[in-house]
Amino acid sequence: MGSHPLLNSAAILLMTQGILVLQPTYTAQQKKQGTYVHATLNDLALAAAIAGLVVIEINKADHGGHFESPHAILGLITYIAMALQAFVGITQYFVPQIYGGVSNAKKLYKYHRLSGYVILVLALATICAATTTGFNLNVLHMQLWAVIVTSVLTVLGVFARIKKQKLGF
């Protein structure tokens, strides 16, 4: 069970770095290189998250209690959102034909970008919810206030680098 929080913490770290690597890019070469690093970091984040999900599901198979707590429900929503985000990101860049070509795929970039920020906040909210779980209360002893402060600092650091024009506003 102890590897579930570690794997998901690694996933959030990798996801955050995957966001930051594209903020900002200016030249075509920076954008291309940034996109490959972004994809790699976020693919690793998704792999770590899936491994975290598998670990906790194996544990829950032995002990029961699937997707009952707010943490578990938020976590499941976050996992699904991450998987959909990865699918869209990979396909819009590497297989734009499924969207009707590069031009149409590029029109989705602002939504992909915005949903990435939403997923980051959702992942951080999931950690906040983890402070109420039995494992945290009995083993980890994470304090909600500390998780909220670090989550807010993370969001402020990432959001400070957002370029509004990249979101289409």
Protein backbone atom coordinates (compact mmCIF):
# COMPACT_ATOMS: atom_id res chain seq x y z
CA MET A 1 0.00 0.00 0.00
CA GLY A 2 2.88 2.38 0.72
CA SER A 3 3.82 2.55 -2.95
CA HIS A 4 0.42 4.02 -3.94
CA PRO A 5 1.16 7.48 -2.48
CA LEU A 6 4.74 7.41 -3.78
CA LEU A 7 3.71 6.49 -7.32
CA ASN A 8 0.98 9.11 -7.40
CA SER A 9 3.30 11.75 -5.94
CA ALA A 10 5.76 10.94 -8.71
CA ALA A 11 2.93 11.22 -11.23
CA ILE A 12 1.99 14.70 -10.02
CA LEU A 13 5.62 15.82 -9.99
CA LEU A 14 6.11 14.57 -13.55
CA MET A 15 2.83 16.11 -14.69
CA THR A 16 3.80 19.47 -13.19
CA GLN A 17 7.19 19.36 -14.87
CA GLY A 18 5.47 18.36 -18.12
CA ILE A 19 3.35 21.51 -17.90
CA LEU A 20 6.25 23.77 -17.00
CA VAL A 21 8.49 22.60 -19.82
CA LEU A 22 6.18 24.28 -22.33
CA GLN A 23 5.93 27.55 -20.42
CA PRO A 24 7.15 29.51 -22.27
CA THR A 25 8.51 28.38 -25.62
CA TYR A 26 9.23 30.89 -28.36
CA THR A 27 10.98 29.37 -31.37
CA ALA A 28 9.75 26.50 -33.53
CA GLN A 29 12.68 24.38 -32.31
CA GLN A 30 11.85 25.11 -28.65
CA LYS A 31 8.20 24.22 -29.28
CA LYS A 32 9.08 20.95 -30.99
CA GLN A 33 11.64 19.93 -28.38
CA GLY A 34 9.30 21.08 -25.60
CA THR A 35 6.47 19.02 -27.05
CA TYR A 36 8.56 15.85 -27.02
CA VAL A 37 9.74 16.44 -23.46
CA HIS A 38 6.16 17.34 -22.43
CA ALA A 39 4.83 14.13 -23.97
CA THR A 40 7.54 12.02 -22.35
CA LEU A 41 7.07 13.51 -18.89
CA ASN A 42 3.30 13.20 -19.07
CA ASP A 43 3.47 9.65 -20.41
CA LEU A 44 5.69 8.77 -17.46
CA ALA A 45 3.24 10.57 -15.16
CA LEU A 46 0.36 8.54 -16.55
CA ALA A 47 2.35 5.30 -16.19
CA ALA A 48 3.16 6.14 -12.56
CA ALA A 49 -0.50 7.01 -11.89
CA ILE A 50 -1.71 3.77 -13.46
CA ALA A 51 0.82 1.82 -11.39
CA GLY A 52 -0.49 3.63 -8.29
CA LEU A 53 -4.03 2.69 -9.25
CA VAL A 54 -3.06 -0.96 -9.78
CA VAL A 55 -1.31 -1.08 -6.40
CA ILE A 56 -4.30 0.30 -4.52
CA GLU A 57 -6.76 -1.89 -6.41
CA ILE A 58 -4.76 -4.99 -5.52
CA ASN A 59 -4.79 -3.85 -1.91
CA LYS A 60 -8.52 -3.11 -1.98
CA ALA A 61 -9.21 -6.53 -3.55
CA ASP A 62 -7.85 -8.03 -0.34
CA HIS A 63 -9.56 -5.61 2.05
CA GLY A 64 -12.64 -4.28 0.23
CA GLY A 65 -13.83 -0.70 0.03
CA HIS A 66 -13.55 0.17 -3.67
CA PHE A 67 -14.12 3.82 -4.60
CA GLU A 68 -16.05 4.76 -1.47
CA SER A 69 -14.14 7.72 -0.03
CA PRO A 70 -13.96 11.21 -1.53
CA HIS A 71 -10.26 10.56 -2.13
CA ALA A 72 -10.99 7.39 -4.10
CA ILE A 73 -13.75 8.99 -6.17
CA LEU A 74 -11.66 12.08 -6.97
CA GLY A 75 -8.73 9.80 -7.73
CA LEU A 76 -10.72 7.75 -10.20
CA ILE A 77 -11.97 10.90 -11.92
CA THR A 78 -8.38 12.18 -12.07
CA TYR A 79 -7.08 8.92 -13.55
CA ILE A 80 -9.76 8.95 -16.25
CA ALA A 81 -9.12 12.62 -17.03
CA MET A 82 -5.36 11.99 -17.28
CA ALA A 83 -5.88 9.09 -19.67
CA LEU A 84 -8.25 11.10 -21.88
CA GLN A 85 -5.86 14.05 -21.80
CA ALA A 86 -2.95 11.84 -22.86
CA PHE A 87 -4.98 10.33 -25.68
CA VAL A 88 -5.98 13.73 -27.04
CA GLY A 89 -2.50 15.19 -26.64
CA ILE A 90 -0.78 12.30 -28.37
CA THR A 91 -3.26 12.05 -31.20
CA GLN A 92 -3.59 15.76 -31.91
CA TYR A 93 0.19 16.09 -32.28
CA PHE A 94 1.25 12.75 -33.73
CA VAL A 95 -1.92 11.67 -35.60
CA PRO A 96 -3.72 14.93 -36.49
CA GLN A 97 -5.48 13.21 -39.39
CA ILE A 98 -8.11 11.84 -37.01
CA TYR A 99 -9.16 15.43 -36.36
CA GLY A 100 -9.29 16.28 -40.05
CA GLY A 101 -5.71 17.51 -40.34
CA VAL A 102 -3.10 19.61 -38.57
CA SER A 103 -5.15 22.80 -38.71
CA ASN A 104 -8.12 21.22 -36.91
CA ALA A 105 -5.87 19.46 -34.41
CA LYS A 106 -4.16 22.76 -33.54
CA LYS A 107 -7.56 24.26 -32.76
CA LEU A 108 -7.75 21.82 -29.85
CA TYR A 109 -4.45 22.94 -28.29
CA LYS A 110 -6.06 25.61 -26.10
CA TYR A 111 -8.58 23.09 -24.74
CA HIS A 112 -5.83 20.54 -24.13
CA ARG A 113 -3.81 23.19 -22.33
CA LEU A 114 -6.76 24.38 -20.21
CA SER A 115 -7.83 20.85 -19.30
CA GLY A 116 -4.25 20.10 -18.24
CA TYR A 117 -4.46 22.91 -15.69
CA VAL A 118 -7.82 21.61 -14.48
CA ILE A 119 -6.39 18.09 -14.12
CA LEU A 120 -3.47 19.43 -12.08
CA VAL A 121 -5.89 21.13 -9.68
CA LEU A 122 -8.01 17.97 -9.55
CA ALA A 123 -4.93 15.89 -8.71
CA LEU A 124 -3.98 18.30 -5.94
CA ALA A 125 -7.55 18.21 -4.58
CA THR A 126 -7.29 14.41 -4.57
CA ILE A 127 -4.21 14.68 -2.34
CA CYS A 128 -6.13 17.01 -0.01
CA ALA A 129 -8.89 14.40 0.19
CA ALA A 130 -6.25 11.75 0.99
CA THR A 131 -5.67 13.40 4.35
CA THR A 132 -8.98 11.93 5.56
CA THR A 133 -8.18 8.31 4.64
CA GLY A 134 -7.45 5.67 7.24
CA PHE A 135 -3.98 5.07 5.81
CA ASN A 136 -3.10 8.73 6.24
CA LEU A 137 -4.65 9.02 9.68
CA ASN A 138 -2.90 5.85 10.92
CA VAL A 139 0.39 5.85 8.98
CA LEU A 140 1.29 8.95 6.96
CA HIS A 141 -0.11 11.69 9.21
CA MET A 142 -0.20 14.30 6.41
CA GLN A 143 -1.78 17.47 7.68
CA LEU A 144 -4.54 18.99 5.54
CA TRP A 145 -3.24 22.52 6.08
CA ALA A 146 0.23 21.53 4.81
CA VAL A 147 -1.22 19.84 1.72
CA ILE A 148 -3.39 22.87 0.99
CA VAL A 149 -0.45 25.28 1.37
CA THR A 150 1.82 23.24 -0.92
CA SER A 151 -1.01 22.78 -3.43
CA VAL A 152 -1.71 26.52 -3.52
CA LEU A 153 2.00 27.28 -3.94
CA THR A 154 2.21 24.74 -6.78
CA VAL A 155 -0.81 26.23 -8.53
CA LEU A 156 0.49 29.78 -8.09
CA GLY A 157 3.87 28.78 -9.53
CA VAL A 158 2.35 27.05 -12.55
CA PHE A 159 -0.43 29.56 -13.19
CA ALA A 160 1.97 32.52 -12.98
CA ARG A 161 3.55 31.24 -16.19
CA ILE A 162 0.28 30.93 -18.13
CA LYS A 163 0.12 33.02 -21.27
CA LYS A 164 -3.55 34.03 -21.72
CA GLN A 165 -3.17 34.27 -25.49
CA LYS A 166 -2.23 30.57 -25.57
CA LEU A 167 -5.63 29.81 -24.07
CA GLY A 168 -7.38 31.76 -26.77
CA PHE A 169 -8.64 34.51 -24.46
